[in-house]
Amino acid sequence: MILSSQEIKTLIKRGEILITPYPEIKETSIKIHLSEKIVLKPKAFILSVTKEKIKLSPNIVGFYDGYAQLARKGVTTHLGSMFVDSDTNEHLTLEIFNFSDKEIVLEKDSRCGQLILMEVK
């Protein structure tokens, strides 16, 4: 079951989810941001990490999903696995690729995706 914003807030208060800095919570996900400014040349691939450090308890897993506004520009922020395992305690690695023929600048702290959380039963 996908966790609602209220459930996410409750689990944060209980310490079962730790995210620093404190996250921007949507209805059923958490906004994820870039940790650095990135200049992407056309058809370029780079690795980066999220601004948010995420710690999940053993009964919580997540899926990272890219941001549609970036996709419209020809940029994807994940090429491999989108799965965020329970017991994660780190910044998420982003696999960023510019599919377009234009140079694209991604600003530090700009939104790059969202994290959808689920309870393991």
C-alpha atoms as a PDB file:
ATOM      1  CA  MET A   1       0.000   0.000   0.000  1.00  0.00           C
ATOM      2  CA  ILE A   2       1.308   3.462  -0.936  1.00  0.00           C
ATOM      3  CA  LEU A   3       1.662   5.707   2.100  1.00  0.00           C
ATOM      4  CA  SER A   4      -0.397   8.904   2.297  1.00  0.00           C
ATOM      5  CA  SER A   5       1.071  12.231   3.395  1.00  0.00           C
ATOM      6  CA  GLN A   6      -0.470  11.747   6.839  1.00  0.00           C
ATOM      7  CA  GLU A   7       1.054   8.277   7.190  1.00  0.00           C
ATOM      8  CA  ILE A   8       4.451   9.603   6.039  1.00  0.00           C
ATOM      9  CA  LYS A   9       4.293  12.410   8.635  1.00  0.00           C
ATOM     10  CA  THR A  10       3.347   9.916  11.366  1.00  0.00           C
ATOM     11  CA  LEU A  11       6.254   7.611  10.471  1.00  0.00           C
ATOM     12  CA  ILE A  12       8.635  10.591  10.446  1.00  0.00           C
ATOM     13  CA  LYS A  13       7.446  11.568  13.958  1.00  0.00           C
ATOM     14  CA  ARG A  14       7.976   7.953  15.116  1.00  0.00           C
ATOM     15  CA  GLY A  15      11.474   7.895  13.610  1.00  0.00           C
ATOM     16  CA  GLU A  16      10.721   5.102  11.131  1.00  0.00           C
ATOM     17  CA  ILE A  17      11.505   7.466   8.259  1.00  0.00           C
ATOM     18  CA  LEU A  18      14.314  10.007   8.607  1.00  0.00           C
ATOM     19  CA  ILE A  19      14.877  12.522   5.820  1.00  0.00           C
ATOM     20  CA  THR A  20      17.252  15.464   6.039  1.00  0.00           C
ATOM     21  CA  PRO A  21      16.617  18.214   5.362  1.00  0.00           C
ATOM     22  CA  TYR A  22      12.983  17.889   6.427  1.00  0.00           C
ATOM     23  CA  PRO A  23      11.088  16.832   3.278  1.00  0.00           C
ATOM     24  CA  GLU A  24       8.474  18.535   1.165  1.00  0.00           C
ATOM     25  CA  ILE A  25       5.581  16.084   1.414  1.00  0.00           C
ATOM     26  CA  LYS A  26       2.951  15.804  -1.313  1.00  0.00           C
ATOM     27  CA  GLU A  27      -0.320  13.842  -1.124  1.00  0.00           C
ATOM     28  CA  THR A  28       1.360  10.459  -1.621  1.00  0.00           C
ATOM     29  CA  SER A  29       5.048  11.184  -2.118  1.00  0.00           C
ATOM     30  CA  ILE A  30       8.070  13.214  -1.082  1.00  0.00           C
ATOM     31  CA  LYS A  31       9.653  15.766  -3.418  1.00  0.00           C
ATOM     32  CA  ILE A  32      13.298  14.998  -4.213  1.00  0.00           C
ATOM     33  CA  HIS A  33      15.882  17.651  -5.184  1.00  0.00           C
ATOM     34  CA  LEU A  34      19.339  17.915  -6.746  1.00  0.00           C
ATOM     35  CA  SER A  35      22.329  18.339  -4.444  1.00  0.00           C
ATOM     36  CA  GLU A  36      24.359  20.346  -6.957  1.00  0.00           C
ATOM     37  CA  LYS A  37      24.171  22.447 -10.096  1.00  0.00           C
ATOM     38  CA  ILE A  38      24.566  20.278 -13.188  1.00  0.00           C
ATOM     39  CA  VAL A  39      25.352  21.331 -16.742  1.00  0.00           C
ATOM     40  CA  LEU A  40      24.328  18.546 -19.113  1.00  0.00           C
ATOM     41  CA  LYS A  41      25.763  18.530 -22.599  1.00  0.00           C
ATOM     42  CA  PRO A  42      23.599  16.972 -25.338  1.00  0.00           C
ATOM     43  CA  LYS A  43      23.484  13.167 -25.052  1.00  0.00           C
ATOM     44  CA  ALA A  44      25.540  13.340 -21.827  1.00  0.00           C
ATOM     45  CA  PHE A  45      25.289  10.968 -18.865  1.00  0.00           C
ATOM     46  CA  ILE A  46      26.374  11.769 -15.304  1.00  0.00           C
ATOM     47  CA  LEU A  47      25.889  10.462 -11.798  1.00  0.00           C
ATOM     48  CA  SER A  48      24.813  12.715  -8.965  1.00  0.00           C
ATOM     49  CA  VAL A  49      23.091  12.379  -5.593  1.00  0.00           C
ATOM     50  CA  THR A  50      19.969  13.793  -4.044  1.00  0.00           C
ATOM     51  CA  LYS A  51      19.936  16.701  -1.627  1.00  0.00           C
ATOM     52  CA  GLU A  52      17.886  14.542   0.736  1.00  0.00           C
ATOM     53  CA  LYS A  53      19.509  11.869   2.864  1.00  0.00           C
ATOM     54  CA  ILE A  54      16.968   9.112   3.369  1.00  0.00           C
ATOM     55  CA  LYS A  55      16.816   6.501   6.113  1.00  0.00           C
ATOM     56  CA  LEU A  56      14.045   3.907   5.952  1.00  0.00           C
ATOM     57  CA  SER A  57      13.156   1.392   8.623  1.00  0.00           C
ATOM     58  CA  PRO A  58      13.052  -2.332   7.743  1.00  0.00           C
ATOM     59  CA  ASN A  59       9.293  -2.219   7.113  1.00  0.00           C
ATOM     60  CA  ILE A  60       9.368   0.674   4.577  1.00  0.00           C
ATOM     61  CA  VAL A  61      10.495   0.604   0.926  1.00  0.00           C
ATOM     62  CA  GLY A  62      10.301   3.202  -1.787  1.00  0.00           C
ATOM     63  CA  PHE A  63      10.270   3.866  -5.499  1.00  0.00           C
ATOM     64  CA  TYR A  64      11.974   6.890  -7.010  1.00  0.00           C
ATOM     65  CA  ASP A  65      10.140   8.453  -9.940  1.00  0.00           C
ATOM     66  CA  GLY A  66      11.524  11.187 -12.183  1.00  0.00           C
ATOM     67  CA  TYR A  67       9.991  14.620 -12.635  1.00  0.00           C
ATOM     68  CA  ALA A  68       7.739  15.163 -15.674  1.00  0.00           C
ATOM     69  CA  GLN A  69       8.995  18.723 -16.257  1.00  0.00           C
ATOM     70  CA  LEU A  70      12.514  17.367 -16.771  1.00  0.00           C
ATOM     71  CA  ALA A  71      11.240  14.590 -19.022  1.00  0.00           C
ATOM     72  CA  ARG A  72       9.576  17.192 -21.238  1.00  0.00           C
ATOM     73  CA  LYS A  73      13.027  18.756 -21.721  1.00  0.00           C
ATOM     74  CA  GLY A  74      14.536  15.380 -22.618  1.00  0.00           C
ATOM     75  CA  VAL A  75      16.180  14.655 -19.261  1.00  0.00           C
ATOM     76  CA  THR A  76      15.766  11.508 -17.208  1.00  0.00           C
ATOM     77  CA  THR A  77      17.085  11.183 -13.658  1.00  0.00           C
ATOM     78  CA  HIS A  78      17.014   7.408 -13.393  1.00  0.00           C
ATOM     79  CA  LEU A  79      18.076   4.807 -15.928  1.00  0.00           C
ATOM     80  CA  GLY A  80      18.533   1.801 -13.676  1.00  0.00           C
ATOM     81  CA  SER A  81      16.596   0.564 -10.713  1.00  0.00           C
ATOM     82  CA  MET A  82      14.066   2.901  -9.142  1.00  0.00           C
ATOM     83  CA  PHE A  83      13.707   0.701  -6.049  1.00  0.00           C
ATOM     84  CA  VAL A  84      14.784   2.106  -2.669  1.00  0.00           C
ATOM     85  CA  ASP A  85      15.364  -0.777  -0.284  1.00  0.00           C
ATOM     86  CA  SER A  86      14.354  -0.952   3.351  1.00  0.00           C
ATOM     87  CA  ASP A  87      17.216  -0.107   5.721  1.00  0.00           C
ATOM     88  CA  THR A  88      18.442   2.511   3.227  1.00  0.00           C
ATOM     89  CA  ASN A  89      20.488   5.187   4.983  1.00  0.00           C
ATOM     90  CA  GLU A  90      22.012   7.436   2.318  1.00  0.00           C
ATOM     91  CA  HIS A  91      21.529   9.980  -0.433  1.00  0.00           C
ATOM     92  CA  LEU A  92      19.923   8.429  -3.508  1.00  0.00           C
ATOM     93  CA  THR A  93      22.169   8.060  -6.562  1.00  0.00           C
ATOM     94  CA  LEU A  94      20.766   9.736  -9.653  1.00  0.00           C
ATOM     95  CA  GLU A  95      21.614   8.463 -13.148  1.00  0.00           C
ATOM     96  CA  ILE A  96      21.012  11.579 -15.220  1.00  0.00           C
ATOM     97  CA  PHE A  97      20.914  11.545 -19.023  1.00  0.00           C
ATOM     98  CA  ASN A  98      20.195  14.344 -21.471  1.00  0.00           C
ATOM     99  CA  PHE A  99      18.410  12.828 -24.468  1.00  0.00           C
ATOM    100  CA  SER A 100      18.034  16.228 -26.147  1.00  0.00           C
ATOM    101  CA  ASP A 101      20.304  18.010 -28.626  1.00  0.00           C
ATOM    102  CA  LYS A 102      20.567  21.056 -26.337  1.00  0.00           C
ATOM    103  CA  GLU A 103      22.714  21.821 -23.318  1.00  0.00           C
ATOM    104  CA  ILE A 104      20.545  21.829 -20.198  1.00  0.00           C
ATOM    105  CA  VAL A 105      21.355  23.412 -16.853  1.00  0.00           C
ATOM    106  CA  LEU A 106      19.832  21.863 -13.742  1.00  0.00           C
ATOM    107  CA  GLU A 107      20.087  24.178 -10.746  1.00  0.00           C
ATOM    108  CA  LYS A 108      21.115  23.076  -7.267  1.00  0.00           C
ATOM    109  CA  ASP A 109      18.083  22.395  -5.051  1.00  0.00           C
ATOM    110  CA  SER A 110      15.730  22.118  -8.051  1.00  0.00           C
ATOM    111  CA  ARG A 111      13.217  19.304  -8.048  1.00  0.00           C
ATOM    112  CA  CYS A 112      14.296  16.166  -9.885  1.00  0.00           C
ATOM    113  CA  GLY A 113      11.712  13.601  -8.815  1.00  0.00           C
ATOM    114  CA  GLN A 114       9.631  12.106  -6.080  1.00  0.00           C
ATOM    115  CA  LEU A 115       9.877   9.255  -3.624  1.00  0.00           C
ATOM    116  CA  ILE A 116       6.844   7.023  -3.215  1.00  0.00           C
ATOM    117  CA  LEU A 117       6.851   5.017   0.014  1.00  0.00           C
ATOM    118  CA  MET A 118       5.175   1.713   0.848  1.00  0.00           C
ATOM    119  CA  GLU A 119       4.887  -0.456   3.924  1.00  0.00           C
ATOM    120  CA  VAL A 120       6.220  -4.008   3.770  1.00  0.00           C
ATOM    121  CA  LYS A 121       3.731  -6.511   5.192  1.00  0.00           C
END
